[in-house]
Amino acid sequence: MIEITHNIAIDEREIKEEFVRSSGPGGQNVNKVATAVKLRFDVVKSPTLPEDVRERLLRLGGKRITEKGILVIDARRFRTQERNRQDALKRLVALIERASRRPKSRKKTRPTAASKRRRLEGKHQRSEIKRMRKTVPKSRED
């Protein structure tokens, strides 16, 4: 079990890893060894995720979520397969942890009388500056 928070843990069997050849650093090794990791986690069918966390995770996943609701994390930052596996797993845990936090609800506030007054004074000063830029019409004295 991979512990995400004190009340959310994911079974390792829910995570599928596929190893592919990486295009990153590694020299000639790149052409021979599959070091990049494609980690897949089925968000929709996961029995361990609470419903609210699942919905937030689907939103947070963005383009990493497939049409079927599978989260795909591509890790190819390091030269070794093991470090890429750890990186992908760490990124999955961080994403689920972020989704597990409830967003704070916005409290409606009203501007204070002083802030309204300051705003209007600033607008008045600006209009005065612009008014002073205008050319004064010359009077005709013949």
Protein backbone atom coordinates (compact mmCIF):
# COMPACT_ATOMS: atom_id res chain seq x y z
CA MET A 1 0.00 0.00 0.00
CA ILE A 2 1.20 3.48 -0.89
CA GLU A 3 0.10 5.93 1.78
CA ILE A 4 -0.97 9.31 0.43
CA THR A 5 -2.60 10.88 3.49
CA HIS A 6 -3.62 9.48 6.86
CA ASN A 7 -6.93 8.26 5.39
CA ILE A 8 -6.03 7.60 1.72
CA ALA A 9 -3.78 4.73 0.64
CA ILE A 10 -3.47 3.18 -2.82
CA ASP A 11 -2.79 -0.47 -3.53
CA GLU A 12 0.28 -1.03 -5.74
CA ARG A 13 -1.82 -3.28 -7.98
CA GLU A 14 -3.85 -0.23 -9.08
CA ILE A 15 -0.72 1.26 -10.68
CA LYS A 16 0.57 -0.05 -13.98
CA GLU A 17 4.06 0.78 -15.21
CA GLU A 18 5.33 0.53 -18.76
CA PHE A 19 8.99 1.04 -19.63
CA VAL A 20 9.84 2.72 -22.92
CA ARG A 21 13.00 4.09 -24.52
CA SER A 22 13.82 7.57 -23.37
CA SER A 23 14.92 10.41 -25.60
CA GLY A 24 16.77 12.21 -22.83
CA PRO A 25 20.32 11.90 -21.47
CA GLY A 26 22.16 8.60 -21.58
CA GLY A 27 24.36 8.57 -24.66
CA GLN A 28 24.36 5.30 -26.61
CA ASN A 29 22.50 3.70 -23.73
CA VAL A 30 19.34 5.51 -24.89
CA ASN A 31 19.05 3.26 -27.94
CA LYS A 32 19.36 0.04 -25.94
CA VAL A 33 17.65 0.38 -22.57
CA ALA A 34 14.05 1.29 -21.79
CA THR A 35 14.55 3.75 -18.93
CA ALA A 36 11.52 6.04 -19.30
CA VAL A 37 8.43 5.12 -17.31
CA LYS A 38 4.78 5.54 -18.27
CA LEU A 39 2.80 5.18 -15.07
CA ARG A 40 -0.94 4.59 -15.44
CA PHE A 41 -3.50 4.98 -12.68
CA ASP A 42 -7.22 4.43 -13.31
CA VAL A 43 -8.79 7.33 -11.42
CA VAL A 44 -12.40 6.46 -12.35
CA LYS A 45 -12.27 2.79 -11.29
CA SER A 46 -10.04 3.16 -8.23
CA PRO A 47 -11.85 1.72 -5.19
CA THR A 48 -9.59 3.51 -2.69
CA LEU A 49 -10.27 7.13 -3.71
CA PRO A 50 -13.15 9.01 -2.09
CA GLU A 51 -15.58 10.56 -4.60
CA ASP A 52 -14.67 14.20 -3.87
CA VAL A 53 -10.93 13.46 -4.26
CA ARG A 54 -11.63 11.57 -7.50
CA GLU A 55 -13.46 14.58 -9.00
CA ARG A 56 -10.72 17.03 -8.00
CA LEU A 57 -8.03 14.66 -9.34
CA LEU A 58 -9.80 14.43 -12.70
CA ARG A 59 -9.82 18.24 -12.87
CA LEU A 60 -6.20 18.60 -11.70
CA GLY A 61 -4.94 15.93 -14.10
CA GLY A 62 -5.75 18.06 -17.13
CA LYS A 63 -4.21 16.70 -20.33
CA ARG A 64 -2.65 13.78 -18.43
CA ILE A 65 -6.11 12.20 -18.05
CA THR A 66 -7.34 10.04 -20.95
CA GLU A 67 -10.95 9.92 -22.15
CA LYS A 68 -11.45 6.76 -20.06
CA GLY A 69 -10.27 8.50 -16.88
CA ILE A 70 -6.78 7.02 -16.70
CA LEU A 71 -4.03 9.28 -15.36
CA VAL A 72 -0.78 8.86 -17.35
CA ILE A 73 2.46 10.18 -15.87
CA ASP A 74 5.48 10.13 -18.17
CA ALA A 75 8.82 10.12 -16.28
CA ARG A 76 12.03 10.36 -18.29
CA ARG A 77 14.01 12.87 -16.25
CA PHE A 78 16.73 10.48 -15.10
CA ARG A 79 19.06 7.97 -16.75
CA THR A 80 18.01 4.96 -14.71
CA GLN A 81 14.76 3.07 -14.75
CA GLU A 82 14.55 2.95 -10.95
CA ARG A 83 14.94 6.73 -10.49
CA ASN A 84 12.31 7.35 -13.16
CA ARG A 85 9.96 4.92 -11.37
CA GLN A 86 10.47 6.78 -8.09
CA ASP A 87 9.96 10.13 -9.83
CA ALA A 88 6.70 9.00 -11.46
CA LEU A 89 5.40 7.58 -8.19
CA LYS A 90 6.35 10.72 -6.28
CA ARG A 91 4.51 12.87 -8.85
CA LEU A 92 1.41 10.64 -8.59
CA VAL A 93 1.42 10.86 -4.79
CA ALA A 94 1.84 14.66 -4.92
CA LEU A 95 -1.05 15.02 -7.38
CA ILE A 96 -3.39 12.86 -5.29
CA GLU A 97 -2.30 14.68 -2.13
CA ARG A 98 -3.14 18.01 -3.78
CA ALA A 99 -6.53 16.65 -4.86
CA SER A 100 -7.25 15.44 -1.33
CA ARG A 101 -7.18 18.99 0.07
CA ARG A 102 -10.54 20.71 -0.01
CA PRO A 103 -10.36 24.16 -1.59
CA LYS A 104 -11.17 26.99 0.78
CA SER A 105 -14.58 28.47 0.17
CA ARG A 106 -14.55 32.15 -0.71
CA LYS A 107 -16.05 34.46 1.86
CA LYS A 108 -17.89 37.39 0.38
CA THR A 109 -16.45 40.70 1.46
CA ARG A 110 -17.42 44.26 0.74
CA PRO A 111 -15.01 47.13 0.19
CA THR A 112 -14.71 49.44 3.17
CA ALA A 113 -15.89 53.04 2.98
CA ALA A 114 -12.28 54.23 3.25
CA SER A 115 -11.15 52.05 0.32
CA LYS A 116 -14.04 53.34 -1.80
CA ARG A 117 -13.08 56.91 -0.92
CA ARG A 118 -9.39 56.28 -1.77
CA ARG A 119 -10.36 54.72 -5.09
CA LEU A 120 -12.55 57.69 -6.03
CA GLU A 121 -9.86 60.17 -4.95
CA GLY A 122 -7.34 58.40 -7.18
CA LYS A 123 -9.76 58.55 -10.10
CA HIS A 124 -10.36 62.25 -9.45
CA GLN A 125 -6.61 62.99 -9.33
CA ARG A 126 -6.09 61.13 -12.60
CA SER A 127 -8.89 63.04 -14.31
CA GLU A 128 -7.41 66.34 -13.06
CA ILE A 129 -4.02 65.43 -14.56
CA LYS A 130 -5.66 64.64 -17.89
CA ARG A 131 -7.78 67.80 -17.78
CA MET A 132 -4.65 69.92 -17.20
CA ARG A 133 -3.00 68.44 -20.32
CA LYS A 134 -5.65 69.91 -22.60
CA THR A 135 -4.68 73.08 -24.40
CA VAL A 136 -6.40 76.23 -23.34
CA PRO A 137 -8.23 77.87 -26.26
CA LYS A 138 -6.74 81.25 -27.22
CA SER A 139 -9.12 84.17 -26.96
CA ARG A 140 -9.52 86.40 -30.02
CA GLU A 141 -8.62 89.91 -29.22
CA ASP A 142 -8.64 91.99 -32.38
